[in-house]
Amino acid sequence: MNEAALWRRLVAEFLGSAFLAAVVIGSGIAAQQLSPHAIGLELFENAAATAAGLFAIILMFGPVSGGHFNPVVSFVDAAFGGLSWSEAAAYLPAQVAGCVGGAIVANLMYSKAAVTISTHRRATGGHFLSEVVATLGLILVIFALARSDRSRSAPAAVGAYIGAAYFFTSSTSFANPAIAVGRMFSNTFAGIAPASVPVFVLAELVGGVLALVVIRLLYPGVTTAEASDIVFPHHGISTPPVRTTTRLP
């Protein structure tokens, strides 16, 4: 299998994570401005933009890195042999830095201070359970598609799942420790107070562990090759051949 160099994959994970945070936070700010005091409509606008944006972002960067943008996805993938543990560890700071950078860009796009620490507290038992369920479902969607050789459907499926989970979970489905950290830096509709982040991260890790167990039960035959091409097939990338012309005498 031909795979992009690690540094290229890290750049893709950084940029993809940045775009993801910018979409989540930017659409939240826009929703507040477009539909003030209409919480249901604001949530719908935020969810629709995130679902559509995630679909496009995976298509943009997935062919290079797989389009994880999520440390839980990367470490569960490592558990199945799709990534080495060292590669998953390298993905982590790229994903977190990307989400923080994307939050800053979103703030600046709406003429706000580059960094505004959120005061939106979310740490309740319901939120904890919601993040466990949201993360569990996300990982199951990804690996079910990989196991059935349908990874190319993942951009749409992941976007659809996250869009739906905005509404069926009380936490609005972060399902991603990197985005939880990034969203601390925007005191807007999509933000989360720093004191709530540890609860979300712990819940997401629990969801990832549960997903690992469930996947082994439901899909015991997951191979390293299948795991290596989640969320989006990214092996087989090759450098286009150099074309030469032959001059006739």
Protein backbone atom coordinates (compact mmCIF):
# COMPACT_ATOMS: atom_id res chain seq x y z
CA MET A 1 0.00 0.00 0.00
CA ASN A 2 1.24 3.44 -0.89
CA GLU A 3 0.58 6.04 1.81
CA ALA A 4 1.26 9.75 2.06
CA ALA A 5 4.24 10.78 4.15
CA LEU A 6 3.43 11.37 7.81
CA TRP A 7 4.10 15.10 7.61
CA ARG A 8 1.56 15.44 4.79
CA ARG A 9 -1.02 13.51 6.79
CA LEU A 10 -0.41 15.74 9.81
CA VAL A 11 -0.91 18.86 7.69
CA ALA A 12 -4.17 17.37 6.37
CA GLU A 13 -5.36 16.55 9.89
CA PHE A 14 -4.48 20.04 11.10
CA LEU A 15 -6.25 21.79 8.24
CA GLY A 16 -9.25 19.48 8.32
CA SER A 17 -9.64 19.99 12.07
CA ALA A 18 -9.32 23.75 11.61
CA PHE A 19 -12.02 23.79 8.95
CA LEU A 20 -14.24 21.62 11.16
CA ALA A 21 -13.95 23.98 14.13
CA ALA A 22 -14.48 27.00 11.88
CA VAL A 23 -17.65 25.45 10.45
CA VAL A 24 -19.04 24.45 13.85
CA ILE A 25 -18.31 27.77 15.57
CA GLY A 26 -18.82 30.06 12.59
CA SER A 27 -22.21 28.58 11.78
CA GLY A 28 -23.16 28.90 15.45
CA ILE A 29 -22.32 32.59 15.43
CA ALA A 30 -24.19 33.08 12.17
CA ALA A 31 -27.22 31.25 13.56
CA GLN A 32 -27.31 33.56 16.57
CA GLN A 33 -27.19 36.61 14.32
CA LEU A 34 -29.70 35.33 11.76
CA SER A 35 -32.23 33.87 14.21
CA PRO A 36 -31.86 35.68 17.56
CA HIS A 37 -33.78 34.16 20.49
CA ALA A 38 -34.97 31.21 18.35
CA ILE A 39 -32.94 28.42 19.95
CA GLY A 40 -34.50 25.60 17.92
CA LEU A 41 -33.84 27.35 14.64
CA GLU A 42 -30.32 28.30 15.72
CA LEU A 43 -29.58 24.66 16.53
CA PHE A 44 -31.00 23.51 13.20
CA GLU A 45 -28.85 25.98 11.28
CA ASN A 46 -25.75 24.99 13.25
CA ALA A 47 -26.44 21.27 12.76
CA ALA A 48 -27.16 21.56 9.04
CA ALA A 49 -24.00 23.55 8.37
CA THR A 50 -21.89 21.15 10.44
CA ALA A 51 -23.28 18.05 8.72
CA ALA A 52 -22.75 19.49 5.24
CA GLY A 53 -19.37 20.96 6.14
CA LEU A 54 -18.10 17.71 7.63
CA PHE A 55 -19.09 15.86 4.45
CA ALA A 56 -17.06 18.29 2.34
CA ILE A 57 -14.09 18.43 4.72
CA ILE A 58 -13.69 14.65 4.73
CA LEU A 59 -13.73 14.69 0.92
CA MET A 60 -11.09 17.44 0.90
CA PHE A 61 -8.57 15.91 3.25
CA GLY A 62 -9.58 12.26 3.54
CA PRO A 63 -7.56 11.10 0.51
CA VAL A 64 -4.39 12.22 2.30
CA SER A 65 -4.86 11.34 5.98
CA GLY A 66 -8.10 9.37 6.11
CA GLY A 67 -10.02 12.37 7.44
CA HIS A 68 -10.05 11.50 11.16
CA PHE A 69 -9.99 15.01 12.72
CA ASN A 70 -10.71 13.24 16.02
CA PRO A 71 -8.27 11.64 18.49
CA VAL A 72 -10.78 8.95 19.48
CA VAL A 73 -11.10 7.84 15.86
CA SER A 74 -7.32 7.75 15.49
CA PHE A 75 -6.66 5.76 18.67
CA VAL A 76 -9.44 3.23 18.02
CA ASP A 77 -7.97 2.86 14.54
CA ALA A 78 -4.56 2.21 16.11
CA ALA A 79 -6.12 -0.50 18.29
CA PHE A 80 -7.16 -2.31 15.10
CA GLY A 81 -3.78 -1.80 13.43
CA GLY A 82 -4.89 0.82 10.93
CA LEU A 83 -2.41 3.32 12.37
CA SER A 84 0.64 2.75 14.50
CA TRP A 85 0.35 4.04 18.06
CA SER A 86 3.08 6.57 17.33
CA GLU A 87 1.16 7.86 14.30
CA ALA A 88 -2.03 8.18 16.37
CA ALA A 89 -0.03 10.09 19.00
CA ALA A 90 1.28 12.39 16.26
CA TYR A 91 -2.25 12.97 14.92
CA LEU A 92 -3.44 14.12 18.37
CA PRO A 93 -1.62 17.49 18.64
CA ALA A 94 -2.32 18.25 14.97
CA GLN A 95 -6.04 17.72 15.55
CA VAL A 96 -6.17 19.74 18.76
CA ALA A 97 -4.08 22.60 17.33
CA GLY A 98 -6.26 22.62 14.23
CA CYS A 99 -9.47 22.90 16.26
CA VAL A 100 -8.03 25.73 18.36
CA GLY A 101 -6.87 27.53 15.23
CA GLY A 102 -10.24 27.06 13.56
CA ALA A 103 -12.00 28.53 16.60
CA ILE A 104 -9.77 31.61 16.43
CA VAL A 105 -10.43 32.02 12.71
CA ALA A 106 -14.19 31.74 13.27
CA ASN A 107 -14.04 34.45 15.94
CA LEU A 108 -12.07 36.74 13.66
CA MET A 109 -14.38 36.18 10.68
CA TYR A 110 -17.19 37.69 12.74
CA SER A 111 -15.07 40.59 14.01
CA LYS A 112 -14.84 39.20 17.52
CA ALA A 113 -11.75 38.99 19.70
CA ALA A 114 -9.45 36.22 18.49
CA VAL A 115 -9.87 34.35 21.78
CA THR A 116 -12.95 34.59 23.98
CA ILE A 117 -13.17 31.91 26.67
CA SER A 118 -16.62 30.34 26.72
CA THR A 119 -18.89 30.55 29.75
CA HIS A 120 -21.36 27.98 28.39
CA ARG A 121 -21.46 25.27 31.09
CA ARG A 122 -22.51 21.83 29.89
CA ALA A 123 -21.21 19.40 32.53
CA THR A 124 -24.23 17.38 33.71
CA GLY A 125 -24.94 13.67 33.94
CA GLY A 126 -27.12 13.92 30.85
CA HIS A 127 -24.33 15.58 28.90
CA PHE A 128 -21.88 12.88 29.99
CA LEU A 129 -24.19 10.08 28.84
CA SER A 130 -24.91 11.95 25.61
CA GLU A 131 -21.23 12.20 24.75
CA VAL A 132 -20.70 8.49 25.48
CA VAL A 133 -23.59 7.61 23.15
CA ALA A 134 -22.57 10.15 20.48
CA THR A 135 -18.98 8.89 20.35
CA LEU A 136 -19.99 5.24 20.43
CA GLY A 137 -22.34 5.76 17.48
CA LEU A 138 -19.80 7.73 15.48
CA ILE A 139 -17.11 5.05 15.79
CA LEU A 140 -19.60 2.29 14.98
CA VAL A 141 -20.72 4.07 11.81
CA ILE A 142 -17.12 4.46 10.65
CA PHE A 143 -16.06 0.87 11.30
CA ALA A 144 -19.28 -0.70 10.04
CA LEU A 145 -18.67 1.01 6.70
CA ALA A 146 -15.02 -0.03 6.64
CA ARG A 147 -15.89 -3.66 7.46
CA SER A 148 -18.45 -3.81 4.64
CA ASP A 149 -16.14 -2.15 2.10
CA ARG A 150 -18.23 1.02 1.97
CA SER A 151 -15.74 3.54 3.31
CA ARG A 152 -16.42 5.84 0.37
CA SER A 153 -19.89 6.38 1.85
CA ALA A 154 -18.36 7.58 5.13
CA PRO A 155 -18.32 11.33 4.35
CA ALA A 156 -22.09 11.34 3.87
CA ALA A 157 -22.78 8.86 6.67
CA VAL A 158 -20.60 10.66 9.22
CA GLY A 159 -22.08 14.03 8.30
CA ALA A 160 -25.61 12.64 8.54
CA TYR A 161 -24.94 10.97 11.89
CA ILE A 162 -23.43 14.09 13.46
CA GLY A 163 -26.26 16.23 12.09
CA ALA A 164 -28.83 13.88 13.62
CA ALA A 165 -26.92 13.60 16.89
CA TYR A 166 -27.08 17.38 17.31
CA PHE A 167 -30.76 16.80 18.02
CA PHE A 168 -31.01 13.42 19.72
CA THR A 169 -28.26 14.13 22.29
CA SER A 170 -28.51 16.82 24.97
CA SER A 171 -24.81 17.66 24.44
CA THR A 172 -25.30 18.40 20.71
CA SER A 173 -22.83 15.62 19.93
CA PHE A 174 -19.28 16.92 20.20
CA ALA A 175 -18.03 13.28 20.05
CA ASN A 176 -14.48 14.60 19.66
CA PRO A 177 -11.99 15.67 22.35
CA ALA A 178 -10.16 17.98 19.94
CA ILE A 179 -13.27 19.93 19.06
CA ALA A 180 -14.22 20.10 22.75
CA VAL A 181 -10.90 21.79 23.47
CA GLY A 182 -11.20 24.11 20.47
CA ARG A 183 -14.71 25.23 21.37
CA MET A 184 -13.47 26.57 24.71
CA PHE A 185 -11.95 29.50 22.85
CA SER A 186 -15.19 31.00 21.56
CA ASN A 187 -17.77 32.45 23.94
CA THR A 188 -20.56 31.96 21.43
CA PHE A 189 -23.48 29.62 20.71
CA ALA A 190 -21.18 26.64 20.02
CA GLY A 191 -18.75 27.24 22.89
CA ILE A 192 -18.13 25.20 26.02
CA ALA A 193 -16.80 26.41 29.37
CA PRO A 194 -13.32 25.08 30.25
CA ALA A 195 -14.69 23.52 33.46
CA SER A 196 -17.01 21.34 31.35
CA VAL A 197 -14.35 20.08 28.93
CA PRO A 198 -12.87 17.33 31.18
CA VAL A 199 -16.33 15.79 31.55
CA PHE A 200 -16.81 15.78 27.79
CA VAL A 201 -13.35 14.37 27.07
CA LEU A 202 -13.78 11.59 29.64
CA ALA A 203 -17.19 10.69 28.20
CA GLU A 204 -15.76 10.61 24.68
CA LEU A 205 -12.94 8.31 25.79
CA VAL A 206 -15.47 6.00 27.46
CA GLY A 207 -17.50 6.01 24.25
CA GLY A 208 -14.39 5.10 22.27
CA VAL A 209 -13.57 2.16 24.56
CA LEU A 210 -17.16 0.90 24.38
CA ALA A 211 -17.04 1.20 20.60
CA LEU A 212 -13.86 -0.85 20.51
CA VAL A 213 -15.59 -3.62 22.49
CA VAL A 214 -18.77 -3.53 20.40
CA ILE A 215 -16.86 -3.58 17.11
CA ARG A 216 -14.91 -6.66 18.24
CA LEU A 217 -18.22 -8.34 19.10
CA LEU A 218 -20.10 -7.41 15.94
CA TYR A 219 -17.24 -7.41 13.43
CA PRO A 220 -14.59 -9.81 14.75
CA GLY A 221 -13.01 -10.04 11.33
CA VAL A 222 -11.93 -6.41 11.01
CA THR A 223 -8.57 -6.56 9.25
CA THR A 224 -5.62 -4.21 9.39
CA ALA A 225 -6.24 -3.31 5.74
CA GLU A 226 -9.86 -2.35 6.47
CA ALA A 227 -8.85 -0.34 9.53
CA SER A 228 -6.14 1.46 7.60
CA ASP A 229 -8.69 3.00 5.25
CA ILE A 230 -11.14 4.54 7.69
CA VAL A 231 -12.72 7.20 7.48
CA PHE A 232 -11.95 7.61 3.79
CA PRO A 233 -9.80 5.35 1.58
CA HIS A 234 -6.39 7.03 1.39
CA HIS A 235 -3.98 4.33 0.29
CA GLY A 236 -2.88 3.79 -3.24
CA ILE A 237 -1.94 7.45 -3.68
CA SER A 238 0.77 7.64 -6.25
CA THR A 239 2.75 10.39 -7.89
CA PRO A 240 1.53 10.98 -11.44
CA PRO A 241 4.05 9.65 -13.96
CA VAL A 242 6.23 12.15 -15.73
CA ARG A 243 5.22 12.31 -19.35
CA THR A 244 7.95 12.23 -21.91
CA THR A 245 7.73 12.80 -25.60
CA THR A 246 9.69 10.92 -28.17
CA ARG A 247 10.87 12.88 -31.15
CA LEU A 248 10.72 11.11 -34.42
CA PRO A 249 13.81 11.37 -36.57
